């Protein structure tokens, strides 16, 4: 009878996959992810024209969502600029101050939520079922590869103050 070695290579592919996934953390700027998601949404409308939706008032809804997204994005940006801390989402370690005022009293990630609203507006404009399925993929990607790594860094840097903040303010909204 053949026994497996305790040093089996069976876990090696899994650890390699995890290493590859971890390598994606904080590598792609969120606006680029949003653009890729938006492109995927647009491309997804072509193969299945039968999934087109009839959305009365879609232009008004789309406009409201995009404007709301812009308000979240700009409010978050101005809060960071006012605090004189980095707006670069790829380097949270150089953050000089926790920003917990303004829009950050309601969302820990208002700029990402703003991107989600803009993408929701785009999906509404496209009036097709498939683009709406890409929205949860955007959220999942942002959570895994952007927000959770940022939170790790901020928690290490700001300790209990950041922990208290995360307990009182939701991640998205």
C-alpha atoms as a PDB file:
ATOM      1  CA  UNK A   1       0.000   0.000   0.000  1.00  0.00           C
ATOM      2  CA  UNK A   2       1.326   3.378  -0.946  1.00  0.00           C
ATOM      3  CA  UNK A   3       1.287   6.060   1.717  1.00  0.00           C
ATOM      4  CA  UNK A   4       1.271   9.756   1.043  1.00  0.00           C
ATOM      5  CA  UNK A   5       4.270  11.610   2.292  1.00  0.00           C
ATOM      6  CA  UNK A   6       3.670  14.173   5.010  1.00  0.00           C
ATOM      7  CA  UNK A   7       5.347  16.579   2.602  1.00  0.00           C
ATOM      8  CA  UNK A   8       2.752  16.125  -0.072  1.00  0.00           C
ATOM      9  CA  UNK A   9       2.822  18.540  -2.961  1.00  0.00           C
ATOM     10  CA  UNK A  10      -0.956  18.492  -2.985  1.00  0.00           C
ATOM     11  CA  UNK A  11      -1.212  21.783  -1.094  1.00  0.00           C
ATOM     12  CA  UNK A  12       1.407  23.468  -3.253  1.00  0.00           C
ATOM     13  CA  UNK A  13      -0.992  24.493  -6.080  1.00  0.00           C
ATOM     14  CA  UNK A  14      -3.373  25.939  -3.505  1.00  0.00           C
ATOM     15  CA  UNK A  15      -0.638  27.930  -1.794  1.00  0.00           C
ATOM     16  CA  UNK A  16       0.561  29.147  -5.195  1.00  0.00           C
ATOM     17  CA  UNK A  17      -2.970  30.273  -6.067  1.00  0.00           C
ATOM     18  CA  UNK A  18      -3.278  32.084  -2.748  1.00  0.00           C
ATOM     19  CA  UNK A  19       0.089  33.751  -3.312  1.00  0.00           C
ATOM     20  CA  UNK A  20      -1.058  34.897  -6.756  1.00  0.00           C
ATOM     21  CA  UNK A  21      -4.292  36.274  -5.324  1.00  0.00           C
ATOM     22  CA  UNK A  22      -2.429  38.046  -2.540  1.00  0.00           C
ATOM     23  CA  UNK A  23      -0.131  39.568  -5.153  1.00  0.00           C
ATOM     24  CA  UNK A  24      -3.139  41.400  -6.611  1.00  0.00           C
ATOM     25  CA  UNK A  25      -3.806  43.265  -3.369  1.00  0.00           C
ATOM     26  CA  UNK A  26      -3.502  47.043  -3.700  1.00  0.00           C
ATOM     27  CA  UNK A  27      -2.086  46.771  -7.238  1.00  0.00           C
ATOM     28  CA  UNK A  28      -4.777  48.171  -9.547  1.00  0.00           C
ATOM     29  CA  UNK A  29      -6.252  51.625  -8.889  1.00  0.00           C
ATOM     30  CA  UNK A  30      -9.993  51.414  -8.115  1.00  0.00           C
ATOM     31  CA  UNK A  31     -10.956  53.800 -10.963  1.00  0.00           C
ATOM     32  CA  UNK A  32      -9.242  51.374 -13.369  1.00  0.00           C
ATOM     33  CA  UNK A  33     -11.216  48.482 -11.854  1.00  0.00           C
ATOM     34  CA  UNK A  34     -14.390  50.535 -12.323  1.00  0.00           C
ATOM     35  CA  UNK A  35     -13.496  51.225 -15.973  1.00  0.00           C
ATOM     36  CA  UNK A  36     -12.842  47.534 -16.597  1.00  0.00           C
ATOM     37  CA  UNK A  37     -16.167  46.668 -14.925  1.00  0.00           C
ATOM     38  CA  UNK A  38     -17.921  49.307 -17.032  1.00  0.00           C
ATOM     39  CA  UNK A  39     -16.397  47.895 -20.210  1.00  0.00           C
ATOM     40  CA  UNK A  40     -17.402  44.361 -19.189  1.00  0.00           C
ATOM     41  CA  UNK A  41     -20.924  45.633 -18.559  1.00  0.00           C
ATOM     42  CA  UNK A  42     -21.119  47.159 -22.015  1.00  0.00           C
ATOM     43  CA  UNK A  43     -19.667  44.054 -23.684  1.00  0.00           C
ATOM     44  CA  UNK A  44     -22.112  41.806 -21.809  1.00  0.00           C
ATOM     45  CA  UNK A  45     -25.089  43.419 -23.524  1.00  0.00           C
ATOM     46  CA  UNK A  46     -24.187  42.158 -27.016  1.00  0.00           C
ATOM     47  CA  UNK A  47     -24.372  38.351 -26.692  1.00  0.00           C
ATOM     48  CA  UNK A  48     -27.863  38.263 -25.169  1.00  0.00           C
ATOM     49  CA  UNK A  49     -30.127  40.937 -26.662  1.00  0.00           C
ATOM     50  CA  UNK A  50     -33.180  39.071 -25.328  1.00  0.00           C
ATOM     51  CA  UNK A  51     -32.187  40.140 -21.796  1.00  0.00           C
ATOM     52  CA  UNK A  52     -32.721  43.820 -22.597  1.00  0.00           C
ATOM     53  CA  UNK A  53     -34.881  45.577 -20.021  1.00  0.00           C
ATOM     54  CA  UNK A  54     -37.581  48.169 -20.417  1.00  0.00           C
ATOM     55  CA  UNK A  55     -36.720  50.752 -17.765  1.00  0.00           C
ATOM     56  CA  UNK A  56     -39.087  53.724 -17.765  1.00  0.00           C
ATOM     57  CA  UNK A  57     -37.254  56.891 -16.785  1.00  0.00           C
ATOM     58  CA  UNK A  58     -33.897  55.209 -17.169  1.00  0.00           C
ATOM     59  CA  UNK A  59     -32.111  58.423 -18.168  1.00  0.00           C
ATOM     60  CA  UNK A  60     -33.346  60.242 -15.064  1.00  0.00           C
ATOM     61  CA  UNK A  61     -32.445  57.282 -12.839  1.00  0.00           C
ATOM     62  CA  UNK A  62     -29.060  56.917 -14.520  1.00  0.00           C
ATOM     63  CA  UNK A  63     -28.342  60.633 -14.132  1.00  0.00           C
ATOM     64  CA  UNK A  64     -29.324  60.622 -10.455  1.00  0.00           C
ATOM     65  CA  UNK A  65     -27.124  57.599  -9.716  1.00  0.00           C
ATOM     66  CA  UNK A  66     -24.120  59.017 -11.552  1.00  0.00           C
ATOM     67  CA  UNK A  67     -24.502  62.402  -9.850  1.00  0.00           C
ATOM     68  CA  UNK A  68     -24.858  60.774  -6.427  1.00  0.00           C
ATOM     69  CA  UNK A  69     -21.752  58.721  -7.156  1.00  0.00           C
ATOM     70  CA  UNK A  70     -19.903  61.885  -8.116  1.00  0.00           C
ATOM     71  CA  UNK A  71     -20.963  63.548  -4.855  1.00  0.00           C
ATOM     72  CA  UNK A  72     -19.629  60.602  -2.833  1.00  0.00           C
ATOM     73  CA  UNK A  73     -16.370  60.551  -4.810  1.00  0.00           C
ATOM     74  CA  UNK A  74     -15.756  64.291  -4.601  1.00  0.00           C
ATOM     75  CA  UNK A  75     -16.752  64.489  -0.926  1.00  0.00           C
ATOM     76  CA  UNK A  76     -14.316  61.720  -0.080  1.00  0.00           C
ATOM     77  CA  UNK A  77     -11.566  63.313  -2.137  1.00  0.00           C
ATOM     78  CA  UNK A  78     -12.031  66.740  -0.528  1.00  0.00           C
ATOM     79  CA  UNK A  79     -12.017  65.196   2.966  1.00  0.00           C
ATOM     80  CA  UNK A  80      -8.653  63.571   2.206  1.00  0.00           C
ATOM     81  CA  UNK A  81      -7.241  66.772   0.732  1.00  0.00           C
ATOM     82  CA  UNK A  82      -8.451  68.796   3.718  1.00  0.00           C
ATOM     83  CA  UNK A  83      -6.769  66.317   6.094  1.00  0.00           C
ATOM     84  CA  UNK A  84      -3.591  66.569   3.977  1.00  0.00           C
ATOM     85  CA  UNK A  85      -3.220  62.817   3.668  1.00  0.00           C
ATOM     86  CA  UNK A  86      -2.606  60.622   0.645  1.00  0.00           C
ATOM     87  CA  UNK A  87      -5.369  59.887  -1.827  1.00  0.00           C
ATOM     88  CA  UNK A  88      -3.351  57.088  -3.414  1.00  0.00           C
ATOM     89  CA  UNK A  89      -5.309  53.878  -2.727  1.00  0.00           C
ATOM     90  CA  UNK A  90      -2.317  51.721  -3.598  1.00  0.00           C
ATOM     91  CA  UNK A  91      -0.215  52.979  -0.684  1.00  0.00           C
ATOM     92  CA  UNK A  92      -2.400  53.138   2.449  1.00  0.00           C
ATOM     93  CA  UNK A  93       0.723  52.787   4.581  1.00  0.00           C
ATOM     94  CA  UNK A  94       1.721  56.398   3.919  1.00  0.00           C
ATOM     95  CA  UNK A  95      -1.576  57.692   5.289  1.00  0.00           C
ATOM     96  CA  UNK A  96      -0.772  60.422   7.770  1.00  0.00           C
ATOM     97  CA  UNK A  97      -4.203  60.886   9.377  1.00  0.00           C
ATOM     98  CA  UNK A  98      -7.402  58.943   9.835  1.00  0.00           C
ATOM     99  CA  UNK A  99     -10.206  60.735   8.030  1.00  0.00           C
ATOM    100  CA  UNK A 100     -13.410  60.239  10.018  1.00  0.00           C
ATOM    101  CA  UNK A 101     -15.279  63.481   9.362  1.00  0.00           C
ATOM    102  CA  UNK A 102     -17.668  64.590   6.658  1.00  0.00           C
ATOM    103  CA  UNK A 103     -18.825  61.776   4.401  1.00  0.00           C
ATOM    104  CA  UNK A 104     -16.558  59.404   6.346  1.00  0.00           C
ATOM    105  CA  UNK A 105     -19.018  59.549   9.246  1.00  0.00           C
ATOM    106  CA  UNK A 106     -21.404  57.497   7.070  1.00  0.00           C
ATOM    107  CA  UNK A 107     -19.100  55.303   4.989  1.00  0.00           C
ATOM    108  CA  UNK A 108     -15.531  54.110   5.453  1.00  0.00           C
ATOM    109  CA  UNK A 109     -15.184  53.937   1.666  1.00  0.00           C
ATOM    110  CA  UNK A 110     -17.277  56.702   0.105  1.00  0.00           C
ATOM    111  CA  UNK A 111     -15.127  56.940  -3.012  1.00  0.00           C
ATOM    112  CA  UNK A 112     -15.571  53.231  -3.710  1.00  0.00           C
ATOM    113  CA  UNK A 113     -19.279  53.515  -2.978  1.00  0.00           C
ATOM    114  CA  UNK A 114     -19.360  56.431  -5.425  1.00  0.00           C
ATOM    115  CA  UNK A 115     -17.792  54.234  -8.104  1.00  0.00           C
ATOM    116  CA  UNK A 116     -20.432  51.586  -7.390  1.00  0.00           C
ATOM    117  CA  UNK A 117     -23.206  54.174  -7.813  1.00  0.00           C
ATOM    118  CA  UNK A 118     -21.708  55.328 -11.117  1.00  0.00           C
ATOM    119  CA  UNK A 119     -21.536  51.715 -12.313  1.00  0.00           C
ATOM    120  CA  UNK A 120     -25.142  51.182 -11.209  1.00  0.00           C
ATOM    121  CA  UNK A 121     -26.087  54.255 -13.232  1.00  0.00           C
ATOM    122  CA  UNK A 122     -24.228  52.805 -16.221  1.00  0.00           C
ATOM    123  CA  UNK A 123     -26.044  49.472 -15.835  1.00  0.00           C
ATOM    124  CA  UNK A 124     -29.334  51.371 -15.710  1.00  0.00           C
ATOM    125  CA  UNK A 125     -28.415  53.296 -18.840  1.00  0.00           C
ATOM    126  CA  UNK A 126     -27.545  50.053 -20.658  1.00  0.00           C
ATOM    127  CA  UNK A 127     -30.998  48.660 -19.755  1.00  0.00           C
ATOM    128  CA  UNK A 128     -29.888  45.065 -19.815  1.00  0.00           C
ATOM    129  CA  UNK A 129     -29.925  42.354 -17.141  1.00  0.00           C
ATOM    130  CA  UNK A 130     -26.320  41.158 -17.493  1.00  0.00           C
ATOM    131  CA  UNK A 131     -24.565  44.425 -16.526  1.00  0.00           C
ATOM    132  CA  UNK A 132     -26.350  44.319 -13.161  1.00  0.00           C
ATOM    133  CA  UNK A 133     -24.679  40.947 -12.496  1.00  0.00           C
ATOM    134  CA  UNK A 134     -21.268  42.586 -12.757  1.00  0.00           C
ATOM    135  CA  UNK A 135     -22.006  44.945  -9.851  1.00  0.00           C
ATOM    136  CA  UNK A 136     -21.591  42.265  -7.141  1.00  0.00           C
ATOM    137  CA  UNK A 137     -18.360  41.174  -8.842  1.00  0.00           C
ATOM    138  CA  UNK A 138     -17.072  44.739  -8.545  1.00  0.00           C
ATOM    139  CA  UNK A 139     -17.992  44.813  -4.848  1.00  0.00           C
ATOM    140  CA  UNK A 140     -16.381  41.419  -4.230  1.00  0.00           C
ATOM    141  CA  UNK A 141     -13.181  42.449  -6.013  1.00  0.00           C
ATOM    142  CA  UNK A 142     -13.012  45.746  -4.140  1.00  0.00           C
ATOM    143  CA  UNK A 143     -13.607  44.041  -0.800  1.00  0.00           C
ATOM    144  CA  UNK A 144     -10.986  41.334  -1.356  1.00  0.00           C
ATOM    145  CA  UNK A 145      -8.214  43.169  -3.165  1.00  0.00           C
ATOM    146  CA  UNK A 146      -8.588  46.777  -2.045  1.00  0.00           C
ATOM    147  CA  UNK A 147     -10.613  47.319   1.110  1.00  0.00           C
ATOM    148  CA  UNK A 148      -9.524  44.376   3.280  1.00  0.00           C
ATOM    149  CA  UNK A 149      -5.803  45.028   2.585  1.00  0.00           C
ATOM    150  CA  UNK A 150      -6.320  48.746   3.316  1.00  0.00           C
ATOM    151  CA  UNK A 151      -8.076  47.871   6.561  1.00  0.00           C
ATOM    152  CA  UNK A 152      -5.177  45.615   7.588  1.00  0.00           C
ATOM    153  CA  UNK A 153      -2.703  48.449   7.074  1.00  0.00           C
ATOM    154  CA  UNK A 154      -4.867  51.074   8.770  1.00  0.00           C
ATOM    155  CA  UNK A 155      -5.549  48.793  11.715  1.00  0.00           C
ATOM    156  CA  UNK A 156      -1.830  48.208  12.212  1.00  0.00           C
ATOM    157  CA  UNK A 157      -1.085  51.911  11.862  1.00  0.00           C
ATOM    158  CA  UNK A 158      -3.897  53.436  13.950  1.00  0.00           C
ATOM    159  CA  UNK A 159      -4.736  50.547  16.313  1.00  0.00           C
ATOM    160  CA  UNK A 160      -7.693  50.937  18.690  1.00  0.00           C
ATOM    161  CA  UNK A 161      -8.766  54.247  17.173  1.00  0.00           C
ATOM    162  CA  UNK A 162      -9.296  52.569  13.805  1.00  0.00           C
ATOM    163  CA  UNK A 163     -10.980  49.575  15.427  1.00  0.00           C
ATOM    164  CA  UNK A 164     -13.477  51.876  17.159  1.00  0.00           C
ATOM    165  CA  UNK A 165     -14.132  53.635  13.858  1.00  0.00           C
ATOM    166  CA  UNK A 166     -14.802  50.346  12.020  1.00  0.00           C
ATOM    167  CA  UNK A 167     -17.300  49.360  14.695  1.00  0.00           C
ATOM    168  CA  UNK A 168     -19.260  52.594  14.341  1.00  0.00           C
ATOM    169  CA  UNK A 169     -19.153  53.208  10.560  1.00  0.00           C
ATOM    170  CA  UNK A 170     -20.094  50.677   7.889  1.00  0.00           C
ATOM    171  CA  UNK A 171     -17.657  49.576   5.182  1.00  0.00           C
ATOM    172  CA  UNK A 172     -19.814  50.695   2.239  1.00  0.00           C
ATOM    173  CA  UNK A 173     -22.880  52.473   3.567  1.00  0.00           C
END
